[in-house]
């Protein structure tokens, strides 16, 4: 019933059970082993990992699988490397390599993206989207699967420039930086045109437009350069009948109305964004997904975990498009017993 409940929620049809998804829990291997009974860890072969992940998603009743296809790999070596912190249990992704694409922040003002990154072929991208979607559906037959774009606008600029160059360039000349942003939007638009023609009925648009305490640039700048481009990307997706979900990390409370005005069908949020505001203003018209806090699962008591699940359920239970999840990931540092208790409380409370 997970797929049926997931599509019912996305179509605002109020399934009898509040659906759910999770991020990263399906490669918290100690948790996966505890739930599925399979022996698996970070050093297992890919076939074993895939089987364990699939079993775990079924056991935990995922109703949709968060997915995007288009990441920074599209830039090749034309990007800034900022290193990478430990994320998985083995820490194999840890990377201390750093490099700058631009030595002088003002160099970004004259960038020609077709020259820097190359012109993309829309038909080739459609094939990639369809292959991604078809493969995901085969692996996840009982959940809503989607494809989409991670480097929508601001996230693309972050990967290209790195934080130092981005903030310096925006501070030196906000208008020139805005024009640079518009040129990036022109370049990435081909990917959105391909997404329009893809098979995926639900699409994910990701853009990290804020950080933990809100916008890192003047809010008026976003309203001049980010949201008009976001709306330009979304309009043809809506016309094609796609259901569009938007994700940003951090606290985007200030921009909830702006994002809604761009035409999205749903919000995916971390615990920092005010889910109450979304429920009160968009709870009957939009999907929203979240926003239990992993920090409570990491170090809270059973009472804390119970109250956190109850907080989320109380906000979302009367909203037809609500999905529960831990908005900032169930990572390997979450104690297995806490994650299991979180799931137990969800199962007890999830019936409307």
C-alpha atoms as a PDB file:
ATOM      1  CA  UNK A   1       0.000   0.000   0.000  1.00  0.00           C
ATOM      2  CA  UNK A   2       3.010   2.342   0.231  1.00  0.00           C
ATOM      3  CA  UNK A   3       2.867   3.351  -3.429  1.00  0.00           C
ATOM      4  CA  UNK A   4      -0.890   3.898  -3.253  1.00  0.00           C
ATOM      5  CA  UNK A   5      -0.584   5.970  -0.066  1.00  0.00           C
ATOM      6  CA  UNK A   6       2.309   7.948  -1.513  1.00  0.00           C
ATOM      7  CA  UNK A   7       0.457   8.888  -4.692  1.00  0.00           C
ATOM      8  CA  UNK A   8      -2.705   9.598  -2.705  1.00  0.00           C
ATOM      9  CA  UNK A   9      -0.801  12.070  -0.553  1.00  0.00           C
ATOM     10  CA  UNK A  10       0.913  13.686  -3.542  1.00  0.00           C
ATOM     11  CA  UNK A  11      -2.554  14.069  -5.100  1.00  0.00           C
ATOM     12  CA  UNK A  12      -3.880  15.480  -1.790  1.00  0.00           C
ATOM     13  CA  UNK A  13      -6.315  12.609  -1.323  1.00  0.00           C
ATOM     14  CA  UNK A  14      -5.669  12.076   2.428  1.00  0.00           C
ATOM     15  CA  UNK A  15      -4.632   8.420   2.767  1.00  0.00           C
ATOM     16  CA  UNK A  16      -5.872   6.703   5.933  1.00  0.00           C
ATOM     17  CA  UNK A  17      -2.283   6.233   7.079  1.00  0.00           C
ATOM     18  CA  UNK A  18       0.233   9.082   7.132  1.00  0.00           C
ATOM     19  CA  UNK A  19       2.891   7.977   4.630  1.00  0.00           C
ATOM     20  CA  UNK A  20       6.597   8.343   5.239  1.00  0.00           C
ATOM     21  CA  UNK A  21      10.041   8.401   3.723  1.00  0.00           C
ATOM     22  CA  UNK A  22      13.527   8.642   5.208  1.00  0.00           C
ATOM     23  CA  UNK A  23      16.941   9.842   4.097  1.00  0.00           C
ATOM     24  CA  UNK A  24      20.141   7.837   4.681  1.00  0.00           C
ATOM     25  CA  UNK A  25      18.486   5.335   7.055  1.00  0.00           C
ATOM     26  CA  UNK A  26      18.721   2.688   4.341  1.00  0.00           C
ATOM     27  CA  UNK A  27      22.517   2.719   4.564  1.00  0.00           C
ATOM     28  CA  UNK A  28      22.725   2.963   8.345  1.00  0.00           C
ATOM     29  CA  UNK A  29      23.860  -0.639   8.051  1.00  0.00           C
ATOM     30  CA  UNK A  30      23.517  -1.611  11.720  1.00  0.00           C
ATOM     31  CA  UNK A  31      19.930  -0.392  11.618  1.00  0.00           C
ATOM     32  CA  UNK A  32      19.309  -2.106   8.286  1.00  0.00           C
ATOM     33  CA  UNK A  33      20.654  -5.381   9.689  1.00  0.00           C
ATOM     34  CA  UNK A  34      18.500  -5.057  12.808  1.00  0.00           C
ATOM     35  CA  UNK A  35      15.351  -4.483  10.728  1.00  0.00           C
ATOM     36  CA  UNK A  36      15.925  -6.978   7.917  1.00  0.00           C
ATOM     37  CA  UNK A  37      17.986  -9.684   9.628  1.00  0.00           C
ATOM     38  CA  UNK A  38      20.524  -9.495   6.790  1.00  0.00           C
ATOM     39  CA  UNK A  39      24.249  -9.300   7.499  1.00  0.00           C
ATOM     40  CA  UNK A  40      25.417  -6.097   5.803  1.00  0.00           C
ATOM     41  CA  UNK A  41      27.925  -3.336   6.471  1.00  0.00           C
ATOM     42  CA  UNK A  42      29.745  -0.557   4.665  1.00  0.00           C
ATOM     43  CA  UNK A  43      32.230  -3.042   3.185  1.00  0.00           C
ATOM     44  CA  UNK A  44      29.639  -5.453   1.772  1.00  0.00           C
ATOM     45  CA  UNK A  45      29.379  -5.898  -1.986  1.00  0.00           C
ATOM     46  CA  UNK A  46      26.905  -3.790  -3.926  1.00  0.00           C
ATOM     47  CA  UNK A  47      24.478  -6.670  -4.543  1.00  0.00           C
ATOM     48  CA  UNK A  48      24.203  -7.347  -0.815  1.00  0.00           C
ATOM     49  CA  UNK A  49      23.758  -3.656  -0.067  1.00  0.00           C
ATOM     50  CA  UNK A  50      21.057  -3.271  -2.704  1.00  0.00           C
ATOM     51  CA  UNK A  51      19.109  -6.267  -1.426  1.00  0.00           C
ATOM     52  CA  UNK A  52      19.355  -5.011   2.159  1.00  0.00           C
ATOM     53  CA  UNK A  53      18.340  -1.479   1.181  1.00  0.00           C
ATOM     54  CA  UNK A  54      15.298  -2.734  -0.760  1.00  0.00           C
ATOM     55  CA  UNK A  55      14.204  -4.966   2.107  1.00  0.00           C
ATOM     56  CA  UNK A  56      14.635  -2.150   4.613  1.00  0.00           C
ATOM     57  CA  UNK A  57      12.564   0.298   2.560  1.00  0.00           C
ATOM     58  CA  UNK A  58       9.750  -2.253   2.393  1.00  0.00           C
ATOM     59  CA  UNK A  59       9.951  -3.035   6.122  1.00  0.00           C
ATOM     60  CA  UNK A  60       9.845   0.669   6.992  1.00  0.00           C
ATOM     61  CA  UNK A  61       7.065   1.273   4.494  1.00  0.00           C
ATOM     62  CA  UNK A  62       8.662   4.047   2.408  1.00  0.00           C
ATOM     63  CA  UNK A  63       5.990   5.743   0.313  1.00  0.00           C
ATOM     64  CA  UNK A  64       8.385   7.687  -1.853  1.00  0.00           C
ATOM     65  CA  UNK A  65      12.088   7.658  -2.612  1.00  0.00           C
ATOM     66  CA  UNK A  66      13.863  11.021  -2.705  1.00  0.00           C
ATOM     67  CA  UNK A  67      16.011  11.125  -5.825  1.00  0.00           C
ATOM     68  CA  UNK A  68      17.739  13.500  -8.216  1.00  0.00           C
ATOM     69  CA  UNK A  69      19.976  12.602 -11.155  1.00  0.00           C
ATOM     70  CA  UNK A  70      21.694  15.858 -12.089  1.00  0.00           C
ATOM     71  CA  UNK A  71      24.520  16.695  -9.681  1.00  0.00           C
ATOM     72  CA  UNK A  72      27.850  18.537  -9.863  1.00  0.00           C
ATOM     73  CA  UNK A  73      29.218  15.735 -12.060  1.00  0.00           C
ATOM     74  CA  UNK A  74      27.679  17.679 -14.961  1.00  0.00           C
ATOM     75  CA  UNK A  75      30.453  20.250 -14.489  1.00  0.00           C
ATOM     76  CA  UNK A  76      33.330  17.798 -14.961  1.00  0.00           C
ATOM     77  CA  UNK A  77      36.500  19.402 -13.618  1.00  0.00           C
ATOM     78  CA  UNK A  78      35.065  22.921 -14.013  1.00  0.00           C
ATOM     79  CA  UNK A  79      34.122  23.315 -10.389  1.00  0.00           C
ATOM     80  CA  UNK A  80      35.505  24.250  -6.987  1.00  0.00           C
ATOM     81  CA  UNK A  81      36.420  21.408  -4.643  1.00  0.00           C
ATOM     82  CA  UNK A  82      35.758  22.143  -0.981  1.00  0.00           C
ATOM     83  CA  UNK A  83      36.656  18.740   0.474  1.00  0.00           C
ATOM     84  CA  UNK A  84      34.202  16.417   2.158  1.00  0.00           C
ATOM     85  CA  UNK A  85      33.544  15.487   5.773  1.00  0.00           C
ATOM     86  CA  UNK A  86      32.838  12.002   7.110  1.00  0.00           C
ATOM     87  CA  UNK A  87      29.278  10.910   6.387  1.00  0.00           C
ATOM     88  CA  UNK A  88      29.067   7.124   6.273  1.00  0.00           C
ATOM     89  CA  UNK A  89      30.158   4.623   8.921  1.00  0.00           C
ATOM     90  CA  UNK A  90      33.425   3.753   7.165  1.00  0.00           C
ATOM     91  CA  UNK A  91      34.303   7.378   6.393  1.00  0.00           C
ATOM     92  CA  UNK A  92      35.417   6.346   2.902  1.00  0.00           C
ATOM     93  CA  UNK A  93      34.058   9.580   1.418  1.00  0.00           C
ATOM     94  CA  UNK A  94      36.371  11.785   3.530  1.00  0.00           C
ATOM     95  CA  UNK A  95      38.289  14.096   1.186  1.00  0.00           C
ATOM     96  CA  UNK A  96      40.772  16.842   2.025  1.00  0.00           C
ATOM     97  CA  UNK A  97      41.372  17.919  -1.589  1.00  0.00           C
ATOM     98  CA  UNK A  98      40.461  21.546  -2.287  1.00  0.00           C
ATOM     99  CA  UNK A  99      40.789  23.704  -5.397  1.00  0.00           C
ATOM    100  CA  UNK A 100      39.337  26.949  -6.752  1.00  0.00           C
ATOM    101  CA  UNK A 101      37.783  27.327 -10.182  1.00  0.00           C
ATOM    102  CA  UNK A 102      38.328  31.096 -10.054  1.00  0.00           C
ATOM    103  CA  UNK A 103      41.220  32.826  -8.269  1.00  0.00           C
ATOM    104  CA  UNK A 104      39.624  36.273  -8.532  1.00  0.00           C
ATOM    105  CA  UNK A 105      35.923  36.623  -7.581  1.00  0.00           C
ATOM    106  CA  UNK A 106      35.451  39.278 -10.254  1.00  0.00           C
ATOM    107  CA  UNK A 107      36.374  36.749 -12.940  1.00  0.00           C
ATOM    108  CA  UNK A 108      32.925  35.201 -12.564  1.00  0.00           C
ATOM    109  CA  UNK A 109      31.240  38.293 -13.972  1.00  0.00           C
ATOM    110  CA  UNK A 110      32.418  37.499 -17.511  1.00  0.00           C
ATOM    111  CA  UNK A 111      31.756  33.755 -17.575  1.00  0.00           C
ATOM    112  CA  UNK A 112      30.164  32.308 -20.708  1.00  0.00           C
ATOM    113  CA  UNK A 113      28.590  29.051 -19.523  1.00  0.00           C
ATOM    114  CA  UNK A 114      28.314  27.468 -22.958  1.00  0.00           C
ATOM    115  CA  UNK A 115      32.039  28.052 -23.358  1.00  0.00           C
ATOM    116  CA  UNK A 116      32.928  26.958 -19.807  1.00  0.00           C
ATOM    117  CA  UNK A 117      30.696  23.887 -19.509  1.00  0.00           C
ATOM    118  CA  UNK A 118      29.631  23.108 -23.067  1.00  0.00           C
ATOM    119  CA  UNK A 119      26.235  23.051 -24.782  1.00  0.00           C
ATOM    120  CA  UNK A 120      24.013  20.162 -23.727  1.00  0.00           C
ATOM    121  CA  UNK A 121      21.850  17.967 -25.949  1.00  0.00           C
ATOM    122  CA  UNK A 122      18.288  17.821 -24.641  1.00  0.00           C
ATOM    123  CA  UNK A 123      17.486  14.426 -26.162  1.00  0.00           C
ATOM    124  CA  UNK A 124      20.500  12.839 -24.507  1.00  0.00           C
ATOM    125  CA  UNK A 125      19.353  14.188 -21.133  1.00  0.00           C
ATOM    126  CA  UNK A 126      15.804  12.877 -21.662  1.00  0.00           C
ATOM    127  CA  UNK A 127      17.251   9.393 -22.161  1.00  0.00           C
ATOM    128  CA  UNK A 128      19.283   9.742 -18.970  1.00  0.00           C
ATOM    129  CA  UNK A 129      16.239  10.863 -16.980  1.00  0.00           C
ATOM    130  CA  UNK A 130      14.132   8.001 -18.346  1.00  0.00           C
ATOM    131  CA  UNK A 131      16.821   5.417 -17.601  1.00  0.00           C
ATOM    132  CA  UNK A 132      17.155   6.774 -14.065  1.00  0.00           C
ATOM    133  CA  UNK A 133      13.396   6.681 -13.543  1.00  0.00           C
ATOM    134  CA  UNK A 134      12.907   3.212 -15.054  1.00  0.00           C
ATOM    135  CA  UNK A 135      15.749   1.765 -12.995  1.00  0.00           C
ATOM    136  CA  UNK A 136      14.445   3.316  -9.802  1.00  0.00           C
ATOM    137  CA  UNK A 137      10.925   1.990 -10.376  1.00  0.00           C
ATOM    138  CA  UNK A 138      12.261  -1.530 -10.873  1.00  0.00           C
ATOM    139  CA  UNK A 139      14.234  -1.341  -7.614  1.00  0.00           C
ATOM    140  CA  UNK A 140      11.411   0.373  -5.687  1.00  0.00           C
ATOM    141  CA  UNK A 141       8.128  -1.026  -7.038  1.00  0.00           C
ATOM    142  CA  UNK A 142       6.123  -0.166  -3.909  1.00  0.00           C
ATOM    143  CA  UNK A 143       7.074   3.495  -3.552  1.00  0.00           C
ATOM    144  CA  UNK A 144       6.720   6.658  -5.605  1.00  0.00           C
ATOM    145  CA  UNK A 145       9.993   7.151  -7.454  1.00  0.00           C
ATOM    146  CA  UNK A 146      11.156  10.306  -9.146  1.00  0.00           C
ATOM    147  CA  UNK A 147      14.051  11.835 -10.980  1.00  0.00           C
ATOM    148  CA  UNK A 148      15.165  15.450 -10.879  1.00  0.00           C
ATOM    149  CA  UNK A 149      17.829  18.128 -10.629  1.00  0.00           C
ATOM    150  CA  UNK A 150      20.054  18.922  -7.658  1.00  0.00           C
ATOM    151  CA  UNK A 151      22.069  21.835  -9.081  1.00  0.00           C
ATOM    152  CA  UNK A 152      18.992  23.896  -9.927  1.00  0.00           C
ATOM    153  CA  UNK A 153      20.424  27.386  -9.420  1.00  0.00           C
ATOM    154  CA  UNK A 154      22.070  28.373  -6.131  1.00  0.00           C
ATOM    155  CA  UNK A 155      23.324  24.832  -5.536  1.00  0.00           C
ATOM    156  CA  UNK A 156      24.951  24.921  -8.947  1.00  0.00           C
ATOM    157  CA  UNK A 157      26.674  28.188  -8.124  1.00  0.00           C
ATOM    158  CA  UNK A 158      27.914  26.812  -4.797  1.00  0.00           C
ATOM    159  CA  UNK A 159      29.497  23.823  -6.528  1.00  0.00           C
ATOM    160  CA  UNK A 160      31.018  25.943  -9.262  1.00  0.00           C
ATOM    161  CA  UNK A 161      32.389  28.725  -7.085  1.00  0.00           C
ATOM    162  CA  UNK A 162      32.699  27.498  -3.516  1.00  0.00           C
ATOM    163  CA  UNK A 163      31.535  29.613  -0.606  1.00  0.00           C
ATOM    164  CA  UNK A 164      34.392  32.115  -0.520  1.00  0.00           C
ATOM    165  CA  UNK A 165      34.197  33.118  -4.177  1.00  0.00           C
ATOM    166  CA  UNK A 166      30.401  33.124  -4.193  1.00  0.00           C
ATOM    167  CA  UNK A 167      30.068  35.427  -1.193  1.00  0.00           C
ATOM    168  CA  UNK A 168      32.871  37.713  -2.346  1.00  0.00           C
ATOM    169  CA  UNK A 169      31.477  38.057  -5.874  1.00  0.00           C
ATOM    170  CA  UNK A 170      27.958  38.737  -4.581  1.00  0.00           C
ATOM    171  CA  UNK A 171      29.336  41.313  -2.169  1.00  0.00           C
ATOM    172  CA  UNK A 172      31.522  43.092  -4.736  1.00  0.00           C
ATOM    173  CA  UNK A 173      28.743  43.593  -7.298  1.00  0.00           C
ATOM    174  CA  UNK A 174      25.314  42.114  -6.556  1.00  0.00           C
ATOM    175  CA  UNK A 175      23.919  43.122  -9.953  1.00  0.00           C
ATOM    176  CA  UNK A 176      26.793  41.566 -11.912  1.00  0.00           C
ATOM    177  CA  UNK A 177      26.506  38.457  -9.779  1.00  0.00           C
ATOM    178  CA  UNK A 178      22.781  38.370 -10.522  1.00  0.00           C
ATOM    179  CA  UNK A 179      23.474  38.545 -14.244  1.00  0.00           C
ATOM    180  CA  UNK A 180      25.974  35.695 -13.813  1.00  0.00           C
ATOM    181  CA  UNK A 181      23.187  33.750 -12.050  1.00  0.00           C
ATOM    182  CA  UNK A 182      20.806  34.409 -14.946  1.00  0.00           C
ATOM    183  CA  UNK A 183      23.378  33.060 -17.396  1.00  0.00           C
ATOM    184  CA  UNK A 184      23.743  29.920 -15.311  1.00  0.00           C
ATOM    185  CA  UNK A 185      19.952  29.578 -15.323  1.00  0.00           C
ATOM    186  CA  UNK A 186      19.968  29.839 -19.131  1.00  0.00           C
ATOM    187  CA  UNK A 187      22.546  27.026 -19.264  1.00  0.00           C
ATOM    188  CA  UNK A 188      20.760  24.669 -16.842  1.00  0.00           C
ATOM    189  CA  UNK A 189      17.366  25.334 -18.479  1.00  0.00           C
ATOM    190  CA  UNK A 190      18.095  22.643 -21.086  1.00  0.00           C
ATOM    191  CA  UNK A 191      17.979  20.094 -18.264  1.00  0.00           C
ATOM    192  CA  UNK A 192      14.552  21.356 -17.229  1.00  0.00           C
ATOM    193  CA  UNK A 193      13.319  21.172 -20.792  1.00  0.00           C
ATOM    194  CA  UNK A 194      14.452  17.542 -20.827  1.00  0.00           C
ATOM    195  CA  UNK A 195      12.763  16.910 -17.478  1.00  0.00           C
ATOM    196  CA  UNK A 196       9.498  18.161 -19.002  1.00  0.00           C
ATOM    197  CA  UNK A 197       9.676  15.405 -21.621  1.00  0.00           C
ATOM    198  CA  UNK A 198      10.823  12.676 -19.225  1.00  0.00           C
ATOM    199  CA  UNK A 199       8.622   9.798 -18.043  1.00  0.00           C
ATOM    200  CA  UNK A 200       8.746  10.722 -14.381  1.00  0.00           C
ATOM    201  CA  UNK A 201       5.319  12.016 -13.249  1.00  0.00           C
ATOM    202  CA  UNK A 202       6.809  13.375 -10.003  1.00  0.00           C
ATOM    203  CA  UNK A 203      10.014  15.421 -10.176  1.00  0.00           C
ATOM    204  CA  UNK A 204      12.392  16.706  -7.531  1.00  0.00           C
ATOM    205  CA  UNK A 205      13.835  20.211  -7.716  1.00  0.00           C
ATOM    206  CA  UNK A 206      16.612  20.785  -5.199  1.00  0.00           C
ATOM    207  CA  UNK A 207      18.283  24.110  -4.438  1.00  0.00           C
ATOM    208  CA  UNK A 208      20.121  25.017  -1.227  1.00  0.00           C
ATOM    209  CA  UNK A 209      19.124  28.669  -1.175  1.00  0.00           C
ATOM    210  CA  UNK A 210      19.774  29.250   2.533  1.00  0.00           C
ATOM    211  CA  UNK A 211      21.870  27.952   5.415  1.00  0.00           C
ATOM    212  CA  UNK A 212      20.998  27.182   9.014  1.00  0.00           C
ATOM    213  CA  UNK A 213      20.018  30.708  10.044  1.00  0.00           C
ATOM    214  CA  UNK A 214      18.310  31.724   6.812  1.00  0.00           C
ATOM    215  CA  UNK A 215      19.408  33.599   3.671  1.00  0.00           C
ATOM    216  CA  UNK A 216      23.108  34.268   3.193  1.00  0.00           C
ATOM    217  CA  UNK A 217      22.460  37.025   0.631  1.00  0.00           C
ATOM    218  CA  UNK A 218      20.041  39.946   0.696  1.00  0.00           C
ATOM    219  CA  UNK A 219      16.476  38.529   0.441  1.00  0.00           C
ATOM    220  CA  UNK A 220      15.666  41.076  -2.266  1.00  0.00           C
ATOM    221  CA  UNK A 221      18.476  39.632  -4.380  1.00  0.00           C
ATOM    222  CA  UNK A 222      16.801  36.206  -4.263  1.00  0.00           C
ATOM    223  CA  UNK A 223      13.525  37.762  -5.333  1.00  0.00           C
ATOM    224  CA  UNK A 224      15.193  39.420  -8.295  1.00  0.00           C
ATOM    225  CA  UNK A 225      17.412  36.565  -9.495  1.00  0.00           C
ATOM    226  CA  UNK A 226      16.567  33.194  -7.912  1.00  0.00           C
ATOM    227  CA  UNK A 227      12.775  32.955  -7.784  1.00  0.00           C
ATOM    228  CA  UNK A 228      12.051  34.319 -11.292  1.00  0.00           C
ATOM    229  CA  UNK A 229      14.382  31.661 -12.667  1.00  0.00           C
ATOM    230  CA  UNK A 230      12.824  28.984 -10.483  1.00  0.00           C
ATOM    231  CA  UNK A 231       9.393  29.953 -11.816  1.00  0.00           C
ATOM    232  CA  UNK A 232      10.729  29.849 -15.371  1.00  0.00           C
ATOM    233  CA  UNK A 233      11.941  26.291 -14.759  1.00  0.00           C
ATOM    234  CA  UNK A 234       8.697  25.182 -13.116  1.00  0.00           C
ATOM    235  CA  UNK A 235       6.091  26.662 -15.484  1.00  0.00           C
ATOM    236  CA  UNK A 236       6.680  24.154 -18.316  1.00  0.00           C
ATOM    237  CA  UNK A 237       6.826  21.280 -15.810  1.00  0.00           C
ATOM    238  CA  UNK A 238       3.388  22.267 -14.529  1.00  0.00           C
ATOM    239  CA  UNK A 239       2.062  22.599 -18.061  1.00  0.00           C
ATOM    240  CA  UNK A 240       3.284  19.047 -18.708  1.00  0.00           C
ATOM    241  CA  UNK A 241       1.318  17.789 -15.707  1.00  0.00           C
ATOM    242  CA  UNK A 242       4.306  16.991 -13.492  1.00  0.00           C
ATOM    243  CA  UNK A 243       4.050  17.040  -9.710  1.00  0.00           C
ATOM    244  CA  UNK A 244       6.936  19.211  -8.528  1.00  0.00           C
ATOM    245  CA  UNK A 245       8.543  18.831  -5.112  1.00  0.00           C
ATOM    246  CA  UNK A 246      11.067  21.394  -3.879  1.00  0.00           C
ATOM    247  CA  UNK A 247      13.895  20.710  -1.431  1.00  0.00           C
ATOM    248  CA  UNK A 248      16.302  23.038   0.333  1.00  0.00           C
ATOM    249  CA  UNK A 249      18.474  22.419   3.357  1.00  0.00           C
ATOM    250  CA  UNK A 250      18.604  24.998   6.139  1.00  0.00           C
ATOM    251  CA  UNK A 251      15.908  27.439   7.207  1.00  0.00           C
ATOM    252  CA  UNK A 252      13.872  28.719   4.265  1.00  0.00           C
ATOM    253  CA  UNK A 253      10.906  29.910   6.338  1.00  0.00           C
ATOM    254  CA  UNK A 254      11.343  33.448   5.002  1.00  0.00           C
ATOM    255  CA  UNK A 255      10.910  32.185   1.443  1.00  0.00           C
ATOM    256  CA  UNK A 256       8.043  29.695   1.780  1.00  0.00           C
ATOM    257  CA  UNK A 257       5.570  32.068   0.111  1.00  0.00           C
ATOM    258  CA  UNK A 258       8.044  32.903  -2.668  1.00  0.00           C
ATOM    259  CA  UNK A 259       8.610  29.226  -3.400  1.00  0.00           C
ATOM    260  CA  UNK A 260       4.875  28.542  -3.410  1.00  0.00           C
ATOM    261  CA  UNK A 261       4.393  31.407  -5.860  1.00  0.00           C
ATOM    262  CA  UNK A 262       6.868  29.711  -8.205  1.00  0.00           C
ATOM    263  CA  UNK A 263       4.354  26.895  -8.653  1.00  0.00           C
ATOM    264  CA  UNK A 264       5.715  23.938  -6.674  1.00  0.00           C
ATOM    265  CA  UNK A 265       3.320  21.276  -5.454  1.00  0.00           C
ATOM    266  CA  UNK A 266       5.266  20.421  -2.325  1.00  0.00           C
ATOM    267  CA  UNK A 267       7.922  21.382   0.200  1.00  0.00           C
ATOM    268  CA  UNK A 268      10.643  19.130   1.590  1.00  0.00           C
ATOM    269  CA  UNK A 269      12.302  20.612   4.633  1.00  0.00           C
ATOM    270  CA  UNK A 270      14.741  20.143   7.439  1.00  0.00           C
ATOM    271  CA  UNK A 271      13.697  20.779  11.071  1.00  0.00           C
ATOM    272  CA  UNK A 272      14.941  24.384  10.881  1.00  0.00           C
ATOM    273  CA  UNK A 273      12.143  25.449   8.522  1.00  0.00           C
ATOM    274  CA  UNK A 274       8.840  26.225  10.226  1.00  0.00           C
ATOM    275  CA  UNK A 275       6.536  23.322   9.353  1.00  0.00           C
ATOM    276  CA  UNK A 276       3.698  24.889  11.337  1.00  0.00           C
ATOM    277  CA  UNK A 277       3.688  27.821   8.924  1.00  0.00           C
ATOM    278  CA  UNK A 278       3.492  25.468   5.944  1.00  0.00           C
ATOM    279  CA  UNK A 279       0.656  23.460   7.512  1.00  0.00           C
ATOM    280  CA  UNK A 280      -1.341  26.552   8.426  1.00  0.00           C
ATOM    281  CA  UNK A 281      -0.933  28.281   5.070  1.00  0.00           C
ATOM    282  CA  UNK A 282      -0.460  25.453   2.542  1.00  0.00           C
ATOM    283  CA  UNK A 283      -1.522  22.304   4.378  1.00  0.00           C
ATOM    284  CA  UNK A 284      -4.668  21.785   2.271  1.00  0.00           C
ATOM    285  CA  UNK A 285      -3.124  22.699  -1.068  1.00  0.00           C
ATOM    286  CA  UNK A 286       0.447  21.389  -0.975  1.00  0.00           C
ATOM    287  CA  UNK A 287       2.477  18.327  -0.102  1.00  0.00           C
ATOM    288  CA  UNK A 288       5.008  18.713   2.693  1.00  0.00           C
ATOM    289  CA  UNK A 289       7.572  16.278   4.048  1.00  0.00           C
ATOM    290  CA  UNK A 290       9.293  16.364   7.425  1.00  0.00           C
ATOM    291  CA  UNK A 291      10.480  17.416   9.836  1.00  0.00           C
ATOM    292  CA  UNK A 292      11.557  15.302  12.793  1.00  0.00           C
ATOM    293  CA  UNK A 293      14.994  16.263  14.100  1.00  0.00           C
ATOM    294  CA  UNK A 294      17.782  13.693  13.983  1.00  0.00           C
ATOM    295  CA  UNK A 295      19.511  15.364  16.929  1.00  0.00           C
ATOM    296  CA  UNK A 296      16.695  14.091  19.128  1.00  0.00           C
ATOM    297  CA  UNK A 297      17.195  10.562  17.780  1.00  0.00           C
ATOM    298  CA  UNK A 298      20.933  10.880  18.344  1.00  0.00           C
ATOM    299  CA  UNK A 299      20.868  11.887  21.993  1.00  0.00           C
ATOM    300  CA  UNK A 300      17.282  12.158  23.245  1.00  0.00           C
ATOM    301  CA  UNK A 301      15.370   9.944  25.635  1.00  0.00           C
ATOM    302  CA  UNK A 302      12.445   7.761  24.596  1.00  0.00           C
ATOM    303  CA  UNK A 303      10.151  10.479  25.896  1.00  0.00           C
ATOM    304  CA  UNK A 304      11.962  13.049  23.714  1.00  0.00           C
ATOM    305  CA  UNK A 305      11.595  10.840  20.640  1.00  0.00           C
ATOM    306  CA  UNK A 306       7.931  10.180  21.382  1.00  0.00           C
ATOM    307  CA  UNK A 307       7.257  13.913  21.731  1.00  0.00           C
ATOM    308  CA  UNK A 308       9.117  14.705  18.510  1.00  0.00           C
ATOM    309  CA  UNK A 309       7.092  12.205  16.491  1.00  0.00           C
ATOM    310  CA  UNK A 310       3.905  13.454  18.143  1.00  0.00           C
ATOM    311  CA  UNK A 311       4.817  17.072  17.294  1.00  0.00           C
ATOM    312  CA  UNK A 312       5.175  16.206  13.614  1.00  0.00           C
ATOM    313  CA  UNK A 313       2.061  14.021  13.482  1.00  0.00           C
ATOM    314  CA  UNK A 314      -0.008  16.658  15.268  1.00  0.00           C
ATOM    315  CA  UNK A 315       1.030  19.237  12.679  1.00  0.00           C
ATOM    316  CA  UNK A 316       0.485  17.020   9.648  1.00  0.00           C
ATOM    317  CA  UNK A 317      -2.372  14.658  10.480  1.00  0.00           C
ATOM    318  CA  UNK A 318      -5.129  16.919   9.136  1.00  0.00           C
ATOM    319  CA  UNK A 319      -3.166  17.795   5.990  1.00  0.00           C
ATOM    320  CA  UNK A 320      -3.819  15.465   3.039  1.00  0.00           C
ATOM    321  CA  UNK A 321      -0.327  15.705   1.539  1.00  0.00           C
ATOM    322  CA  UNK A 322       1.771  15.225   4.657  1.00  0.00           C
ATOM    323  CA  UNK A 323       4.620  12.676   4.862  1.00  0.00           C
ATOM    324  CA  UNK A 324       6.635  12.017   8.016  1.00  0.00           C
ATOM    325  CA  UNK A 325      10.397  11.740   7.891  1.00  0.00           C
ATOM    326  CA  UNK A 326      13.508  12.728   9.807  1.00  0.00           C
ATOM    327  CA  UNK A 327      14.272  15.897   7.871  1.00  0.00           C
ATOM    328  CA  UNK A 328      18.016  15.962   8.512  1.00  0.00           C
ATOM    329  CA  UNK A 329      18.748  12.247   7.941  1.00  0.00           C
ATOM    330  CA  UNK A 330      19.031   9.130  10.080  1.00  0.00           C
ATOM    331  CA  UNK A 331      22.803   8.783   9.961  1.00  0.00           C
ATOM    332  CA  UNK A 332      25.018   5.961  11.267  1.00  0.00           C
ATOM    333  CA  UNK A 333      25.621   7.900  14.518  1.00  0.00           C
ATOM    334  CA  UNK A 334      21.945   7.491  15.504  1.00  0.00           C
ATOM    335  CA  UNK A 335      21.695   4.640  18.043  1.00  0.00           C
ATOM    336  CA  UNK A 336      19.866   1.670  16.551  1.00  0.00           C
ATOM    337  CA  UNK A 337      17.522   1.385  19.523  1.00  0.00           C
ATOM    338  CA  UNK A 338      16.500   5.042  19.140  1.00  0.00           C
ATOM    339  CA  UNK A 339      15.784   4.632  15.431  1.00  0.00           C
ATOM    340  CA  UNK A 340      13.732   1.505  16.118  1.00  0.00           C
ATOM    341  CA  UNK A 341      11.752   3.314  18.796  1.00  0.00           C
ATOM    342  CA  UNK A 342      11.135   6.245  16.443  1.00  0.00           C
ATOM    343  CA  UNK A 343       9.688   3.806  13.898  1.00  0.00           C
ATOM    344  CA  UNK A 344       7.594   2.083  16.565  1.00  0.00           C
ATOM    345  CA  UNK A 345       6.008   5.393  17.584  1.00  0.00           C
ATOM    346  CA  UNK A 346       5.393   6.347  13.957  1.00  0.00           C
ATOM    347  CA  UNK A 347       3.562   3.059  13.384  1.00  0.00           C
ATOM    348  CA  UNK A 348       1.408   3.620  16.469  1.00  0.00           C
ATOM    349  CA  UNK A 349       0.493   7.197  15.535  1.00  0.00           C
ATOM    350  CA  UNK A 350       0.307   7.029  11.750  1.00  0.00           C
ATOM    351  CA  UNK A 351      -3.339   6.021  11.390  1.00  0.00           C
ATOM    352  CA  UNK A 352      -5.547   9.063  10.953  1.00  0.00           C
END
